Amino acid sequence: MRINWGTGIVIAFVCFIGFIMYLVVNMMTDDKFQHELVVEDYYKQELSLQDDIDKEINSQTLEENVSWEHTNDGILIQFPTSIEPSEISGTVYFYRPSKKSLDFEVPLVLNNHAILIPKDRLVDGRWNLTVDWKNGDASYLYKKSIVY
């Protein structure tokens, strides 16, 4: 049996389409490839975007901004020493882009100018750190992409 060039082209197309279909089905059904939304309430968060921009501008006007450092015990988040710790309130958000179930938030309860996030709550990899905090009537926002 001889295959002419037209039949060869059809066989090549069928093999290519079969390969692409295999890849698509494999990606959609495999558990290691999670297809999650970034956030559930996307439109609600989009409406508060200007508030977040204003908070970030407020935090840039501070003499000393929030900072973080990697320690043996976890991540230490430091707040400005010029502000009394008892007057600071807010929340620290840890967002894991690769897996939604690892996201968590910690309310700010400060005795000194720092809060420690223990290493048992953190998995190695990339995290988005967001500190949304207030001092009196002023609101501040600190965002940083970190690698733990």
Protein backbone atom coordinates (compact mmCIF):
# COMPACT_ATOMS: atom_id res chain seq x y z
CA MET A 1 0.00 0.00 0.00
CA ARG A 2 1.30 3.39 -0.99
CA ILE A 3 0.40 6.64 0.71
CA ASN A 4 0.26 9.72 -1.50
CA TRP A 5 1.08 13.24 -0.28
CA GLY A 6 -2.57 14.18 0.33
CA THR A 7 -3.10 11.24 2.66
CA GLY A 8 0.18 12.07 4.45
CA ILE A 9 -1.00 15.63 5.11
CA VAL A 10 -4.32 14.38 6.52
CA ILE A 11 -2.51 11.88 8.77
CA ALA A 12 -0.16 14.66 10.00
CA PHE A 13 -3.12 16.94 10.79
CA VAL A 14 -4.96 14.17 12.65
CA CYS A 15 -1.85 13.35 14.71
CA PHE A 16 -1.29 17.04 15.53
CA ILE A 17 -4.92 17.57 16.55
CA GLY A 18 -4.82 14.41 18.66
CA PHE A 19 -1.66 15.63 20.42
CA ILE A 20 -3.19 19.04 21.16
CA MET A 21 -6.39 17.42 22.46
CA TYR A 22 -4.33 15.15 24.73
CA LEU A 23 -2.53 18.20 26.20
CA VAL A 24 -5.79 20.11 26.76
CA VAL A 25 -7.56 17.20 28.46
CA ASN A 26 -4.47 16.45 30.57
CA MET A 27 -4.20 20.08 31.77
CA MET A 28 -7.91 20.37 32.58
CA THR A 29 -8.20 17.12 34.55
CA ASP A 30 -4.88 17.01 36.42
CA ASP A 31 -5.10 18.17 40.07
CA LYS A 32 -1.63 19.71 40.09
CA PHE A 33 -2.79 22.45 37.70
CA GLN A 34 -5.26 24.51 39.73
CA HIS A 35 -7.40 27.05 37.91
CA GLU A 36 -8.53 29.43 40.63
CA LEU A 37 -9.63 33.03 40.48
CA VAL A 38 -7.29 35.56 42.02
CA VAL A 39 -10.04 36.76 44.36
CA GLU A 40 -13.68 35.79 44.67
CA ASP A 41 -15.10 39.32 44.95
CA TYR A 42 -13.11 40.91 42.14
CA TYR A 43 -15.59 43.68 41.30
CA LYS A 44 -16.07 44.67 44.93
CA GLN A 45 -12.32 45.02 45.40
CA GLU A 46 -12.04 47.00 42.17
CA LEU A 47 -14.42 49.62 43.58
CA SER A 48 -12.12 50.18 46.58
CA LEU A 49 -9.02 50.64 44.41
CA GLN A 50 -8.90 54.44 44.84
CA ASP A 51 -9.01 54.03 48.63
CA ASP A 52 -6.02 51.69 48.40
CA ILE A 53 -4.13 54.20 46.25
CA ASP A 54 -4.80 56.94 48.81
CA LYS A 55 -3.61 54.68 51.64
CA GLU A 56 -0.38 53.86 49.76
CA ILE A 57 0.26 57.58 49.18
CA ASN A 58 -0.25 58.17 52.92
CA SER A 59 2.28 55.48 53.76
CA GLN A 60 4.85 57.01 51.40
CA THR A 61 4.63 60.30 53.27
CA LEU A 62 5.74 58.66 56.52
CA GLU A 63 9.31 59.23 57.66
CA GLU A 64 9.61 55.52 58.41
CA ASN A 65 7.40 53.01 56.63
CA VAL A 66 6.50 49.43 57.48
CA SER A 67 9.34 46.99 56.83
CA TRP A 68 9.78 43.24 57.03
CA GLU A 69 12.66 40.83 57.50
CA HIS A 70 13.11 37.10 57.27
CA THR A 71 14.17 35.58 60.62
CA ASN A 72 14.71 32.04 61.87
CA ASP A 73 11.32 32.16 63.59
CA GLY A 74 9.35 33.48 60.60
CA ILE A 75 8.69 36.93 59.17
CA LEU A 76 9.07 39.95 61.41
CA ILE A 77 7.01 42.98 60.35
CA GLN A 78 8.23 46.26 61.87
CA PHE A 79 6.09 49.38 62.24
CA PRO A 80 7.27 53.00 62.53
CA THR A 81 8.81 53.73 65.94
CA SER A 82 7.44 57.27 65.89
CA ILE A 83 3.89 55.91 66.38
CA GLU A 84 2.65 54.46 69.66
CA PRO A 85 2.05 50.70 69.11
CA SER A 86 -1.23 50.71 71.06
CA GLU A 87 -2.66 53.23 68.55
CA ILE A 88 -2.00 50.97 65.55
CA SER A 89 -4.83 48.73 64.35
CA GLY A 90 -5.40 46.82 61.17
CA THR A 91 -4.74 43.55 59.43
CA VAL A 92 -1.83 41.71 57.80
CA TYR A 93 -2.80 39.69 54.72
CA PHE A 94 -0.68 36.91 53.24
CA TYR A 95 -1.76 35.95 49.74
CA ARG A 96 -0.27 32.91 48.01
CA PRO A 97 -0.70 33.26 44.21
CA SER A 98 -0.16 29.57 43.53
CA LYS A 99 -2.63 28.12 46.06
CA LYS A 100 -5.68 29.83 47.50
CA SER A 101 -5.97 27.51 50.51
CA LEU A 102 -2.69 28.89 51.93
CA ASP A 103 -3.96 32.49 52.12
CA PHE A 104 -4.46 33.87 55.63
CA GLU A 105 -4.81 37.12 57.55
CA VAL A 106 -3.65 38.19 60.99
CA PRO A 107 -5.23 41.03 63.00
CA LEU A 108 -2.77 43.59 64.34
CA VAL A 109 -2.36 43.49 68.10
CA LEU A 110 0.92 45.19 68.95
CA ASN A 111 2.75 45.43 72.27
CA ASN A 112 5.90 46.74 70.66
CA HIS A 113 6.60 48.00 67.15
CA ALA A 114 6.76 44.55 65.54
CA ILE A 115 4.65 41.49 64.86
CA LEU A 116 6.06 38.03 64.15
CA ILE A 117 4.38 35.71 61.68
CA PRO A 118 5.53 32.20 62.71
CA LYS A 119 7.27 30.06 60.12
CA ASP A 120 4.82 27.18 60.59
CA ARG A 121 2.12 29.31 58.88
CA LEU A 122 4.35 29.98 55.86
CA VAL A 123 5.30 27.66 53.02
CA ASP A 124 8.45 28.30 51.02
CA GLY A 125 7.80 30.32 47.90
CA ARG A 126 6.32 33.61 46.74
CA TRP A 127 3.84 35.54 48.90
CA ASN A 128 2.10 38.88 48.50
CA LEU A 129 2.26 40.73 51.81
CA THR A 130 -0.34 43.45 52.43
CA VAL A 131 -0.44 45.43 55.66
CA ASP A 132 -3.61 47.54 55.95
CA TRP A 133 -3.30 49.63 59.12
CA LYS A 134 -4.60 52.75 60.81
CA ASN A 135 -3.24 55.27 63.25
CA GLY A 136 -6.07 57.46 64.49
CA ASP A 137 -7.92 58.78 61.44
CA ALA A 138 -5.06 58.12 58.99
CA SER A 139 -5.11 54.88 57.00
CA TYR A 140 -2.02 53.30 55.47
CA LEU A 141 -1.34 50.42 53.10
CA TYR A 142 1.93 48.56 52.57
CA LYS A 143 2.22 46.02 49.75
CA LYS A 144 5.22 43.88 48.99
CA SER A 145 5.87 40.73 47.01
CA ILE A 146 8.19 38.54 49.09
CA VAL A 147 9.86 35.15 48.79
CA TYR A 148 9.99 33.06 51.94
